[in-house]
Amino acid sequence: MAAKRPRTGTSGTPAVAALVAAGVHFEPRHYEHDPAARSFGAEAAAELGVDPARVLKTLVVQTDLPADKGLIVAVVPVSGQLDLKALAREIGCKTAVLADPEVAARVTGYLVGGISPIGQKRSLRTVVDVSALRQDTVLVSGGRRGLDVELAPTDLVALTNAVIGPIAKDFA
């Protein structure tokens, strides 16, 4: 059974509401989103003046696993890219491909470019790249374009019940 999605109330997004409800310390980080931006994570890093290794992108992946229709959430730094083969090894499946953007939006309840690993409509199994734990704080989407939330990586892992693994590679 999927977890109930937190109500946004005056907090803005389900991600922010989930952080507040869990009592997690976080800082909202707002920036002006450019609709012409091609890389949402790189845009956030540049606009917020943050090292791209600290800004994490949330990707929904389709696998051959039976649970949750094979959908998995992968969280990796925007300074690199998701290694689909490493993710497949980490979760014990044979195939992993990026999910269709419409499927990702429908399942998470967020628009592409604003998908947060926190407060999703349907909680999915989550894997966070091990590099996140090397940072004092990380930034993830706060649930809409132009809003990131900064928090301790250990809080991100705990809140999403994530597995930690080496699932990112540097851009070639």
C-alpha atoms as a PDB file:
ATOM      1  CA  MET A   1       0.000   0.000   0.000  1.00  0.00           C
ATOM      2  CA  ALA A   2       1.372   3.415  -0.947  1.00  0.00           C
ATOM      3  CA  ALA A   3       2.076   5.928   1.780  1.00  0.00           C
ATOM      4  CA  LYS A   4      -0.371   8.787   2.076  1.00  0.00           C
ATOM      5  CA  ARG A   5       0.826  11.917   0.383  1.00  0.00           C
ATOM      6  CA  PRO A   6       1.209  14.803   2.831  1.00  0.00           C
ATOM      7  CA  ARG A   7      -1.118  17.717   2.361  1.00  0.00           C
ATOM      8  CA  THR A   8       0.663  20.840   1.251  1.00  0.00           C
ATOM      9  CA  GLY A   9      -1.379  23.311   3.281  1.00  0.00           C
ATOM     10  CA  THR A  10       0.596  26.543   3.505  1.00  0.00           C
ATOM     11  CA  SER A  11       3.943  24.782   3.121  1.00  0.00           C
ATOM     12  CA  GLY A  12       3.937  24.874  -0.675  1.00  0.00           C
ATOM     13  CA  THR A  13       4.671  21.359  -1.918  1.00  0.00           C
ATOM     14  CA  PRO A  14       4.251  17.797  -0.699  1.00  0.00           C
ATOM     15  CA  ALA A  15       8.063  17.588  -0.329  1.00  0.00           C
ATOM     16  CA  VAL A  16       8.169  20.580   2.004  1.00  0.00           C
ATOM     17  CA  ALA A  17       5.128  19.298   3.910  1.00  0.00           C
ATOM     18  CA  ALA A  18       6.812  15.893   4.364  1.00  0.00           C
ATOM     19  CA  LEU A  19      10.000  17.522   5.667  1.00  0.00           C
ATOM     20  CA  VAL A  20       8.030  19.650   8.124  1.00  0.00           C
ATOM     21  CA  ALA A  21       5.915  16.687   9.259  1.00  0.00           C
ATOM     22  CA  ALA A  22       9.050  14.598   9.845  1.00  0.00           C
ATOM     23  CA  GLY A  23      10.719  17.381  11.827  1.00  0.00           C
ATOM     24  CA  VAL A  24      13.715  17.401   9.484  1.00  0.00           C
ATOM     25  CA  HIS A  25      15.895  20.505   9.439  1.00  0.00           C
ATOM     26  CA  PHE A  26      16.041  21.912   5.901  1.00  0.00           C
ATOM     27  CA  GLU A  27      16.477  25.191   4.099  1.00  0.00           C
ATOM     28  CA  PRO A  28      14.272  26.062   1.122  1.00  0.00           C
ATOM     29  CA  ARG A  29      16.386  27.458  -1.722  1.00  0.00           C
ATOM     30  CA  HIS A  30      14.426  29.414  -4.335  1.00  0.00           C
ATOM     31  CA  TYR A  31      15.663  30.528  -7.739  1.00  0.00           C
ATOM     32  CA  GLU A  32      14.126  31.914 -10.913  1.00  0.00           C
ATOM     33  CA  HIS A  33      13.537  28.962 -13.237  1.00  0.00           C
ATOM     34  CA  ASP A  34      14.238  29.607 -16.907  1.00  0.00           C
ATOM     35  CA  PRO A  35      11.676  27.699 -19.021  1.00  0.00           C
ATOM     36  CA  ALA A  36      14.338  27.338 -21.752  1.00  0.00           C
ATOM     37  CA  ALA A  37      16.754  25.515 -19.395  1.00  0.00           C
ATOM     38  CA  ARG A  38      17.706  22.087 -20.716  1.00  0.00           C
ATOM     39  CA  SER A  39      19.224  20.661 -17.526  1.00  0.00           C
ATOM     40  CA  PHE A  40      17.135  21.440 -14.467  1.00  0.00           C
ATOM     41  CA  GLY A  41      19.788  20.289 -11.994  1.00  0.00           C
ATOM     42  CA  ALA A  42      22.614  22.226 -13.644  1.00  0.00           C
ATOM     43  CA  GLU A  43      20.356  25.269 -13.721  1.00  0.00           C
ATOM     44  CA  ALA A  44      19.686  24.934  -9.983  1.00  0.00           C
ATOM     45  CA  ALA A  45      23.406  24.585  -9.187  1.00  0.00           C
ATOM     46  CA  ALA A  46      24.294  27.642 -11.277  1.00  0.00           C
ATOM     47  CA  GLU A  47      21.425  29.817 -10.053  1.00  0.00           C
ATOM     48  CA  LEU A  48      22.049  28.931  -6.398  1.00  0.00           C
ATOM     49  CA  GLY A  49      25.852  29.167  -6.701  1.00  0.00           C
ATOM     50  CA  VAL A  50      26.298  25.623  -5.370  1.00  0.00           C
ATOM     51  CA  ASP A  51      28.826  22.950  -6.331  1.00  0.00           C
ATOM     52  CA  PRO A  52      26.989  20.610  -8.763  1.00  0.00           C
ATOM     53  CA  ALA A  53      28.266  17.633  -6.731  1.00  0.00           C
ATOM     54  CA  ARG A  54      25.957  18.795  -3.907  1.00  0.00           C
ATOM     55  CA  VAL A  55      22.867  19.190  -6.092  1.00  0.00           C
ATOM     56  CA  LEU A  56      21.126  15.867  -6.649  1.00  0.00           C
ATOM     57  CA  LYS A  57      18.761  14.988  -9.465  1.00  0.00           C
ATOM     58  CA  THR A  58      15.884  12.589  -9.013  1.00  0.00           C
ATOM     59  CA  LEU A  59      15.336  10.103 -11.825  1.00  0.00           C
ATOM     60  CA  VAL A  60      12.564   7.533 -12.149  1.00  0.00           C
ATOM     61  CA  VAL A  61      13.797   4.278 -13.650  1.00  0.00           C
ATOM     62  CA  GLN A  62      11.876   1.375 -15.169  1.00  0.00           C
ATOM     63  CA  THR A  63      13.265  -2.047 -14.223  1.00  0.00           C
ATOM     64  CA  ASP A  64      12.260  -5.666 -14.683  1.00  0.00           C
ATOM     65  CA  LEU A  65      11.418  -6.037 -10.980  1.00  0.00           C
ATOM     66  CA  PRO A  66       7.816  -6.973 -10.138  1.00  0.00           C
ATOM     67  CA  ALA A  67       7.382  -4.617  -7.164  1.00  0.00           C
ATOM     68  CA  ASP A  68       5.885  -1.184  -7.884  1.00  0.00           C
ATOM     69  CA  LYS A  69       5.565  -2.102 -11.568  1.00  0.00           C
ATOM     70  CA  GLY A  70       9.362  -2.060 -11.729  1.00  0.00           C
ATOM     71  CA  LEU A  71       9.704   1.631 -10.940  1.00  0.00           C
ATOM     72  CA  ILE A  72      12.681   2.790  -8.867  1.00  0.00           C
ATOM     73  CA  VAL A  73      13.896   6.257  -7.886  1.00  0.00           C
ATOM     74  CA  ALA A  74      17.590   6.993  -8.405  1.00  0.00           C
ATOM     75  CA  VAL A  75      19.186  10.075  -6.834  1.00  0.00           C
ATOM     76  CA  VAL A  76      22.552  11.158  -8.258  1.00  0.00           C
ATOM     77  CA  PRO A  77      24.627  14.360  -8.366  1.00  0.00           C
ATOM     78  CA  VAL A  78      24.024  16.682 -11.318  1.00  0.00           C
ATOM     79  CA  SER A  79      27.805  16.730 -11.811  1.00  0.00           C
ATOM     80  CA  GLY A  80      27.533  13.175 -13.156  1.00  0.00           C
ATOM     81  CA  GLN A  81      25.029  10.817 -14.647  1.00  0.00           C
ATOM     82  CA  LEU A  82      23.136   7.743 -13.585  1.00  0.00           C
ATOM     83  CA  ASP A  83      24.952   4.485 -14.378  1.00  0.00           C
ATOM     84  CA  LEU A  84      22.004   2.263 -15.282  1.00  0.00           C
ATOM     85  CA  LYS A  85      24.113  -0.918 -15.191  1.00  0.00           C
ATOM     86  CA  ALA A  86      25.398  -0.079 -11.710  1.00  0.00           C
ATOM     87  CA  LEU A  87      21.838   0.642 -10.553  1.00  0.00           C
ATOM     88  CA  ALA A  88      20.640  -2.688 -11.947  1.00  0.00           C
ATOM     89  CA  ARG A  89      23.442  -4.507 -10.086  1.00  0.00           C
ATOM     90  CA  GLU A  90      22.685  -2.592  -6.886  1.00  0.00           C
ATOM     91  CA  ILE A  91      18.995  -3.535  -6.830  1.00  0.00           C
ATOM     92  CA  GLY A  92      19.354  -7.009  -8.331  1.00  0.00           C
ATOM     93  CA  CYS A  93      17.624  -6.663 -11.670  1.00  0.00           C
ATOM     94  CA  LYS A  94      18.647  -7.365 -15.241  1.00  0.00           C
ATOM     95  CA  THR A  95      17.414  -4.258 -17.010  1.00  0.00           C
ATOM     96  CA  ALA A  96      17.046  -0.608 -16.069  1.00  0.00           C
ATOM     97  CA  VAL A  97      16.082   2.274 -18.354  1.00  0.00           C
ATOM     98  CA  LEU A  98      14.843   5.776 -17.658  1.00  0.00           C
ATOM     99  CA  ALA A  99      11.078   5.769 -17.263  1.00  0.00           C
ATOM    100  CA  ASP A 100       8.874   7.651 -19.671  1.00  0.00           C
ATOM    101  CA  PRO A 101       8.581  11.252 -18.370  1.00  0.00           C
ATOM    102  CA  GLU A 102       4.775  11.039 -18.323  1.00  0.00           C
ATOM    103  CA  VAL A 103       4.945   7.894 -16.200  1.00  0.00           C
ATOM    104  CA  ALA A 104       7.458   9.548 -13.848  1.00  0.00           C
ATOM    105  CA  ALA A 105       5.201  12.569 -13.411  1.00  0.00           C
ATOM    106  CA  ARG A 106       2.047  10.490 -12.899  1.00  0.00           C
ATOM    107  CA  VAL A 107       3.606   8.148 -10.327  1.00  0.00           C
ATOM    108  CA  THR A 108       5.457  10.808  -8.309  1.00  0.00           C
ATOM    109  CA  GLY A 109       2.869  13.561  -8.568  1.00  0.00           C
ATOM    110  CA  TYR A 110       5.524  16.058  -9.658  1.00  0.00           C
ATOM    111  CA  LEU A 111       6.339  17.669 -12.999  1.00  0.00           C
ATOM    112  CA  VAL A 112       9.572  16.587 -14.678  1.00  0.00           C
ATOM    113  CA  GLY A 113      12.232  19.050 -13.588  1.00  0.00           C
ATOM    114  CA  GLY A 114      10.557  19.318 -10.206  1.00  0.00           C
ATOM    115  CA  ILE A 115      10.466  15.657  -9.173  1.00  0.00           C
ATOM    116  CA  SER A 116      11.518  15.359  -5.569  1.00  0.00           C
ATOM    117  CA  PRO A 117      12.549  12.120  -3.890  1.00  0.00           C
ATOM    118  CA  ILE A 118      10.520  13.344  -0.896  1.00  0.00           C
ATOM    119  CA  GLY A 119       6.729  13.465  -0.560  1.00  0.00           C
ATOM    120  CA  GLN A 120       5.954  11.531  -3.710  1.00  0.00           C
ATOM    121  CA  LYS A 121       2.382  10.545  -4.501  1.00  0.00           C
ATOM    122  CA  ARG A 122       3.459   6.906  -4.393  1.00  0.00           C
ATOM    123  CA  SER A 123       6.586   6.073  -2.389  1.00  0.00           C
ATOM    124  CA  LEU A 124       8.968   4.102  -4.563  1.00  0.00           C
ATOM    125  CA  ARG A 125      12.098   2.161  -3.673  1.00  0.00           C
ATOM    126  CA  THR A 126      14.915   4.724  -3.680  1.00  0.00           C
ATOM    127  CA  VAL A 127      18.653   4.426  -4.261  1.00  0.00           C
ATOM    128  CA  VAL A 128      20.926   7.374  -3.446  1.00  0.00           C
ATOM    129  CA  ASP A 129      24.445   7.560  -4.857  1.00  0.00           C
ATOM    130  CA  VAL A 130      27.120   7.034  -2.215  1.00  0.00           C
ATOM    131  CA  SER A 131      28.767  10.362  -3.111  1.00  0.00           C
ATOM    132  CA  ALA A 132      25.907  12.200  -1.386  1.00  0.00           C
ATOM    133  CA  LEU A 133      27.182  11.014   1.988  1.00  0.00           C
ATOM    134  CA  ARG A 134      30.487  12.834   1.400  1.00  0.00           C
ATOM    135  CA  GLN A 135      28.656  16.169   1.595  1.00  0.00           C
ATOM    136  CA  ASP A 136      27.630  18.051   4.728  1.00  0.00           C
ATOM    137  CA  THR A 137      24.395  19.038   3.012  1.00  0.00           C
ATOM    138  CA  VAL A 138      22.801  18.257  -0.349  1.00  0.00           C
ATOM    139  CA  LEU A 139      20.098  19.922  -2.379  1.00  0.00           C
ATOM    140  CA  VAL A 140      17.200  18.091  -4.009  1.00  0.00           C
ATOM    141  CA  SER A 141      14.137  19.373  -5.769  1.00  0.00           C
ATOM    142  CA  GLY A 142      11.575  20.763  -3.384  1.00  0.00           C
ATOM    143  CA  GLY A 143       8.757  19.589  -5.615  1.00  0.00           C
ATOM    144  CA  ARG A 144       8.612  22.284  -8.260  1.00  0.00           C
ATOM    145  CA  ARG A 145      10.923  23.954 -10.726  1.00  0.00           C
ATOM    146  CA  GLY A 146      12.714  26.839  -9.028  1.00  0.00           C
ATOM    147  CA  LEU A 147      12.668  25.298  -5.536  1.00  0.00           C
ATOM    148  CA  ASP A 148      15.317  23.077  -4.022  1.00  0.00           C
ATOM    149  CA  VAL A 149      15.596  22.035  -0.398  1.00  0.00           C
ATOM    150  CA  GLU A 150      18.932  21.770   1.361  1.00  0.00           C
ATOM    151  CA  LEU A 151      19.260  19.072   4.013  1.00  0.00           C
ATOM    152  CA  ALA A 152      21.698  16.588   5.509  1.00  0.00           C
ATOM    153  CA  PRO A 153      22.211  13.584   3.229  1.00  0.00           C
ATOM    154  CA  THR A 154      21.535  11.257   6.159  1.00  0.00           C
ATOM    155  CA  ASP A 155      18.107  12.892   6.570  1.00  0.00           C
ATOM    156  CA  LEU A 156      17.410  12.394   2.863  1.00  0.00           C
ATOM    157  CA  VAL A 157      18.311   8.712   3.145  1.00  0.00           C
ATOM    158  CA  ALA A 158      16.233   8.218   6.293  1.00  0.00           C
ATOM    159  CA  LEU A 159      13.188  10.069   4.984  1.00  0.00           C
ATOM    160  CA  THR A 160      13.120   8.124   1.702  1.00  0.00           C
ATOM    161  CA  ASN A 161      14.170   4.775   3.234  1.00  0.00           C
ATOM    162  CA  ALA A 162      16.875   4.781   0.589  1.00  0.00           C
ATOM    163  CA  VAL A 163      19.576   2.268  -0.145  1.00  0.00           C
ATOM    164  CA  ILE A 164      23.041   3.754  -0.666  1.00  0.00           C
ATOM    165  CA  GLY A 165      25.086   2.560  -3.624  1.00  0.00           C
ATOM    166  CA  PRO A 166      27.628   3.576  -6.254  1.00  0.00           C
ATOM    167  CA  ILE A 167      25.132   4.369  -9.026  1.00  0.00           C
ATOM    168  CA  ALA A 168      26.626   7.525 -10.574  1.00  0.00           C
ATOM    169  CA  LYS A 169      29.442   8.026 -13.028  1.00  0.00           C
ATOM    170  CA  ASP A 170      31.203  11.143 -14.214  1.00  0.00           C
ATOM    171  CA  PHE A 171      30.193  12.644 -17.512  1.00  0.00           C
ATOM    172  CA  ALA A 172      32.376  11.231 -20.267  1.00  0.00           C
END
